């Protein structure tokens, strides 16, 4: 993983690439939050699917960044993990 981080840091020196990468930060944060929450509950995608009625394939697509979930879907996922969804607006430049 260290080699990837080194590679990424090198590539992000390109201003245009960095701007595109930074624009995707909210999506990366959402994906990481979902995966972290699911794993904190020791749930597989299949188990979460059974709890929510959302297909395992759709959960996988969300976690892989190839599907943009609706707020309703995110709420169902949160409830399926015994959690509630919280969305924040932060000043630009502040990390969440």
N, C-alpha and C. Protein backbone atom coordinates (compact mmCIF):
# COMPACT_ATOMS: atom_id res chain seq x y z
N UNK A 1 0.82 -1.19 0.00
CA UNK A 1 0.00 0.00 0.00
C UNK A 1 0.86 1.26 0.00
N UNK A 2 2.01 1.16 0.59
CA UNK A 2 2.92 2.32 0.66
C UNK A 2 3.33 2.77 -0.74
N UNK A 3 3.56 1.81 -1.64
CA UNK A 3 3.95 2.18 -3.00
C UNK A 3 2.83 2.97 -3.69
N UNK A 4 1.59 2.56 -3.43
CA UNK A 4 0.47 3.29 -4.03
C UNK A 4 0.41 4.71 -3.49
N UNK A 5 0.57 4.88 -2.19
CA UNK A 5 0.54 6.23 -1.60
C UNK A 5 1.64 7.11 -2.18
N UNK A 6 2.82 6.52 -2.34
CA UNK A 6 3.93 7.27 -2.94
C UNK A 6 3.58 7.67 -4.37
N UNK A 7 3.03 6.73 -5.12
CA UNK A 7 2.62 6.98 -6.50
C UNK A 7 1.57 8.09 -6.54
N UNK A 8 0.56 7.99 -5.66
CA UNK A 8 -0.50 8.98 -5.63
C UNK A 8 0.05 10.36 -5.31
N UNK A 9 0.89 10.45 -4.32
CA UNK A 9 1.48 11.75 -3.96
C UNK A 9 2.24 12.35 -5.13
N UNK A 10 2.95 11.53 -5.85
CA UNK A 10 3.70 12.00 -7.03
C UNK A 10 2.74 12.51 -8.10
N UNK A 11 1.70 11.75 -8.38
CA UNK A 11 0.74 12.13 -9.42
C UNK A 11 -0.03 13.40 -9.05
N UNK A 12 -0.30 13.58 -7.75
CA UNK A 12 -1.08 14.73 -7.31
C UNK A 12 -0.31 16.04 -7.39
N UNK A 13 0.93 15.98 -7.78
CA UNK A 13 1.69 17.21 -8.02
C UNK A 13 1.19 17.93 -9.26
N UNK A 14 0.52 17.19 -10.14
CA UNK A 14 -0.09 17.79 -11.33
C UNK A 14 -1.35 18.53 -10.88
N UNK A 15 -1.41 19.82 -11.07
CA UNK A 15 -2.50 20.66 -10.56
C UNK A 15 -3.86 20.25 -11.11
N UNK A 16 -3.91 19.92 -12.38
CA UNK A 16 -5.19 19.54 -12.99
C UNK A 16 -5.69 18.21 -12.41
N UNK A 17 -4.80 17.26 -12.27
CA UNK A 17 -5.19 15.97 -11.69
C UNK A 17 -5.61 16.14 -10.24
N UNK A 18 -4.88 16.96 -9.50
CA UNK A 18 -5.22 17.20 -8.09
C UNK A 18 -6.59 17.83 -7.96
N UNK A 19 -6.93 18.77 -8.83
CA UNK A 19 -8.23 19.41 -8.79
C UNK A 19 -9.35 18.38 -9.01
N UNK A 20 -9.15 17.48 -9.96
CA UNK A 20 -10.13 16.43 -10.22
C UNK A 20 -10.24 15.47 -9.03
N UNK A 21 -9.10 15.11 -8.48
CA UNK A 21 -9.06 14.20 -7.33
C UNK A 21 -9.77 14.84 -6.14
N UNK A 22 -9.49 16.11 -5.87
CA UNK A 22 -10.12 16.82 -4.77
C UNK A 22 -11.63 16.94 -4.96
N UNK A 23 -12.06 17.07 -6.19
CA UNK A 23 -13.50 17.18 -6.47
C UNK A 23 -14.24 15.89 -6.10
N UNK A 24 -13.52 14.78 -6.10
CA UNK A 24 -14.13 13.49 -5.75
C UNK A 24 -14.09 13.19 -4.26
N UNK A 25 -13.51 14.07 -3.46
CA UNK A 25 -13.37 13.81 -2.03
C UNK A 25 -14.68 13.47 -1.33
N UNK A 26 -15.79 14.18 -1.59
CA UNK A 26 -17.04 13.80 -0.91
C UNK A 26 -17.47 12.37 -1.22
N UNK A 27 -17.29 11.93 -2.47
CA UNK A 27 -17.64 10.56 -2.81
C UNK A 27 -16.73 9.56 -2.08
N UNK A 28 -15.43 9.85 -2.05
CA UNK A 28 -14.50 8.97 -1.33
C UNK A 28 -14.86 8.90 0.15
N UNK A 29 -15.22 10.05 0.72
CA UNK A 29 -15.59 10.08 2.14
C UNK A 29 -16.83 9.24 2.41
N UNK A 30 -17.82 9.35 1.53
CA UNK A 30 -19.05 8.57 1.68
C UNK A 30 -18.75 7.08 1.59
N UNK A 31 -17.99 6.69 0.59
CA UNK A 31 -17.63 5.28 0.40
C UNK A 31 -16.90 4.75 1.63
N UNK A 32 -15.90 5.49 2.08
CA UNK A 32 -15.13 5.05 3.26
C UNK A 32 -15.99 4.97 4.50
N UNK A 33 -16.90 5.94 4.68
CA UNK A 33 -17.78 5.93 5.85
C UNK A 33 -18.70 4.72 5.82
N UNK A 34 -19.24 4.40 4.66
CA UNK A 34 -20.13 3.24 4.53
C UNK A 34 -19.37 1.95 4.84
N UNK A 35 -18.22 1.79 4.24
CA UNK A 35 -17.42 0.57 4.46
C UNK A 35 -17.02 0.46 5.93
N UNK A 36 -16.55 1.55 6.51
CA UNK A 36 -16.15 1.54 7.92
C UNK A 36 -17.33 1.19 8.83
N UNK A 37 -18.49 1.78 8.56
CA UNK A 37 -19.67 1.51 9.38
C UNK A 37 -20.09 0.04 9.26
N UNK A 38 -20.11 -0.47 8.04
CA UNK A 38 -20.50 -1.87 7.83
C UNK A 38 -19.54 -2.80 8.55
N UNK A 39 -18.24 -2.54 8.41
CA UNK A 39 -17.24 -3.40 9.05
C UNK A 39 -17.28 -3.27 10.57
N UNK A 40 -17.61 -2.09 11.09
CA UNK A 40 -17.68 -1.91 12.54
C UNK A 40 -18.82 -2.76 13.13
N UNK A 41 -19.79 -3.08 12.30
CA UNK A 41 -20.90 -3.93 12.72
C UNK A 41 -20.64 -5.41 12.39
N UNK A 42 -19.45 -5.68 11.87
CA UNK A 42 -19.08 -7.05 11.45
C UNK A 42 -20.08 -7.64 10.47
N UNK A 43 -20.52 -6.79 9.53
CA UNK A 43 -21.48 -7.22 8.53
C UNK A 43 -20.82 -7.40 7.17
N UNK A 44 -21.22 -8.43 6.48
CA UNK A 44 -20.82 -8.56 5.08
C UNK A 44 -21.82 -7.78 4.24
N UNK A 45 -21.48 -7.57 2.99
CA UNK A 45 -22.43 -6.91 2.10
C UNK A 45 -23.71 -7.73 2.00
N UNK A 46 -23.57 -9.04 1.96
CA UNK A 46 -24.73 -9.94 1.85
C UNK A 46 -25.64 -9.81 3.07
N UNK A 47 -25.05 -9.74 4.26
CA UNK A 47 -25.84 -9.59 5.48
C UNK A 47 -26.56 -8.23 5.49
N UNK A 48 -25.85 -7.18 5.08
CA UNK A 48 -26.47 -5.86 5.02
C UNK A 48 -27.60 -5.85 3.99
N UNK A 49 -27.41 -6.57 2.91
CA UNK A 49 -28.44 -6.69 1.90
C UNK A 49 -29.71 -7.31 2.47
N UNK A 50 -29.55 -8.36 3.24
CA UNK A 50 -30.71 -9.03 3.85
C UNK A 50 -31.44 -8.09 4.80
N UNK A 51 -30.69 -7.26 5.53
CA UNK A 51 -31.29 -6.35 6.50
C UNK A 51 -32.03 -5.19 5.84
N UNK A 52 -31.57 -4.79 4.67
CA UNK A 52 -32.09 -3.57 4.05
C UNK A 52 -32.98 -3.80 2.84
N UNK A 53 -32.88 -4.96 2.23
CA UNK A 53 -33.61 -5.20 0.99
C UNK A 53 -32.92 -4.60 -0.23
N UNK A 54 -31.73 -4.04 -0.02
CA UNK A 54 -30.92 -3.51 -1.12
C UNK A 54 -30.04 -4.65 -1.59
N UNK A 55 -29.96 -4.86 -2.88
CA UNK A 55 -29.20 -6.01 -3.37
C UNK A 55 -27.73 -5.89 -2.99
N UNK A 56 -27.10 -7.05 -2.81
CA UNK A 56 -25.67 -7.07 -2.52
C UNK A 56 -24.90 -6.43 -3.66
N UNK A 57 -25.37 -6.62 -4.88
CA UNK A 57 -24.71 -6.03 -6.04
C UNK A 57 -24.75 -4.50 -5.96
N UNK A 58 -25.88 -3.94 -5.54
CA UNK A 58 -25.96 -2.48 -5.40
C UNK A 58 -25.06 -1.97 -4.28
N UNK A 59 -25.01 -2.70 -3.17
CA UNK A 59 -24.12 -2.29 -2.08
C UNK A 59 -22.67 -2.32 -2.57
N UNK A 60 -22.31 -3.35 -3.31
CA UNK A 60 -20.97 -3.44 -3.87
C UNK A 60 -20.69 -2.28 -4.81
N UNK A 61 -21.65 -1.93 -5.65
CA UNK A 61 -21.46 -0.81 -6.59
C UNK A 61 -21.26 0.51 -5.85
N UNK A 62 -22.01 0.70 -4.77
CA UNK A 62 -21.85 1.93 -3.98
C UNK A 62 -20.44 1.95 -3.39
N UNK A 63 -20.03 0.83 -2.80
CA UNK A 63 -18.71 0.77 -2.16
C UNK A 63 -17.57 0.86 -3.17
N UNK A 64 -17.82 0.50 -4.41
CA UNK A 64 -16.79 0.60 -5.45
C UNK A 64 -16.85 1.93 -6.19
N UNK A 65 -17.83 2.76 -5.86
CA UNK A 65 -17.92 4.07 -6.47
C UNK A 65 -18.53 4.09 -7.85
N UNK A 66 -19.23 3.02 -8.22
CA UNK A 66 -19.85 2.98 -9.55
C UNK A 66 -21.36 3.21 -9.49
N UNK A 67 -21.88 3.48 -8.30
CA UNK A 67 -23.30 3.81 -8.15
C UNK A 67 -23.43 4.92 -7.14
N UNK A 68 -24.22 5.92 -7.49
CA UNK A 68 -24.49 7.03 -6.58
C UNK A 68 -25.81 6.75 -5.88
N UNK A 69 -25.77 6.51 -4.57
CA UNK A 69 -27.00 6.19 -3.85
C UNK A 69 -27.82 7.44 -3.57
N UNK A 70 -29.12 7.25 -3.48
CA UNK A 70 -30.00 8.34 -3.07
C UNK A 70 -29.93 8.50 -1.55
N UNK A 71 -30.46 9.60 -1.06
CA UNK A 71 -30.53 9.78 0.39
C UNK A 71 -31.41 8.71 1.02
N UNK A 72 -32.47 8.34 0.35
CA UNK A 72 -33.35 7.29 0.88
C UNK A 72 -32.57 5.97 1.02
N UNK A 73 -31.75 5.65 0.03
CA UNK A 73 -30.96 4.42 0.10
C UNK A 73 -29.92 4.50 1.21
N UNK A 74 -29.29 5.65 1.36
CA UNK A 74 -28.31 5.81 2.45
C UNK A 74 -28.99 5.66 3.81
N UNK A 75 -30.20 6.19 3.95
CA UNK A 75 -30.95 6.03 5.19
C UNK A 75 -31.28 4.56 5.47
N UNK A 76 -31.67 3.84 4.43
CA UNK A 76 -31.94 2.39 4.60
C UNK A 76 -30.69 1.65 5.02
N UNK A 77 -29.56 1.99 4.43
CA UNK A 77 -28.30 1.35 4.80
C UNK A 77 -27.95 1.65 6.25
N UNK A 78 -28.09 2.92 6.64
CA UNK A 78 -27.79 3.30 8.01
C UNK A 78 -28.68 2.54 8.99
N UNK A 79 -29.98 2.52 8.73
CA UNK A 79 -30.91 1.81 9.62
C UNK A 79 -30.58 0.33 9.67
N UNK A 80 -30.17 -0.24 8.55
CA UNK A 80 -29.80 -1.65 8.51
C UNK A 80 -28.59 -1.98 9.37
N UNK A 81 -27.80 -0.95 9.68
CA UNK A 81 -26.63 -1.13 10.53
C UNK A 81 -26.89 -0.62 11.95
N UNK A 82 -28.16 -0.26 12.23
CA UNK A 82 -28.49 0.27 13.54
C UNK A 82 -27.92 1.65 13.78
N UNK A 83 -27.81 2.42 12.71
CA UNK A 83 -27.23 3.75 12.78
C UNK A 83 -28.18 4.76 12.16
N UNK A 84 -27.84 6.03 12.32
CA UNK A 84 -28.58 7.08 11.62
C UNK A 84 -27.62 7.83 10.72
N UNK A 85 -28.15 8.38 9.67
CA UNK A 85 -27.36 9.12 8.69
C UNK A 85 -27.23 10.56 9.14
N UNK A 86 -26.02 11.10 9.04
CA UNK A 86 -25.78 12.51 9.36
C UNK A 86 -24.97 13.10 8.21
N UNK A 87 -25.46 14.19 7.66
CA UNK A 87 -24.76 14.88 6.58
C UNK A 87 -24.43 16.28 7.07
N UNK A 88 -23.21 16.73 6.82
CA UNK A 88 -22.78 18.05 7.27
C UNK A 88 -22.31 18.89 6.11
N UNK A 89 -22.50 20.18 6.24
CA UNK A 89 -21.88 21.14 5.34
C UNK A 89 -20.77 21.81 6.13
N UNK A 90 -19.57 21.75 5.61
CA UNK A 90 -18.40 22.31 6.28
C UNK A 90 -17.81 23.44 5.45
N UNK A 91 -17.18 24.42 6.10
CA UNK A 91 -16.51 25.46 5.33
C UNK A 91 -15.45 24.85 4.43
N UNK A 92 -15.26 25.44 3.27
CA UNK A 92 -14.24 24.95 2.34
C UNK A 92 -12.89 24.99 3.02
N UNK A 93 -12.14 23.92 2.85
CA UNK A 93 -10.83 23.83 3.45
C UNK A 93 -10.83 23.07 4.77
N UNK A 94 -12.00 22.89 5.37
CA UNK A 94 -12.09 22.14 6.62
C UNK A 94 -12.34 20.67 6.31
N UNK A 95 -11.51 19.81 6.89
CA UNK A 95 -11.67 18.37 6.70
C UNK A 95 -12.72 17.84 7.65
N UNK A 96 -13.55 16.91 7.11
CA UNK A 96 -14.63 16.37 7.93
C UNK A 96 -14.33 15.14 8.65
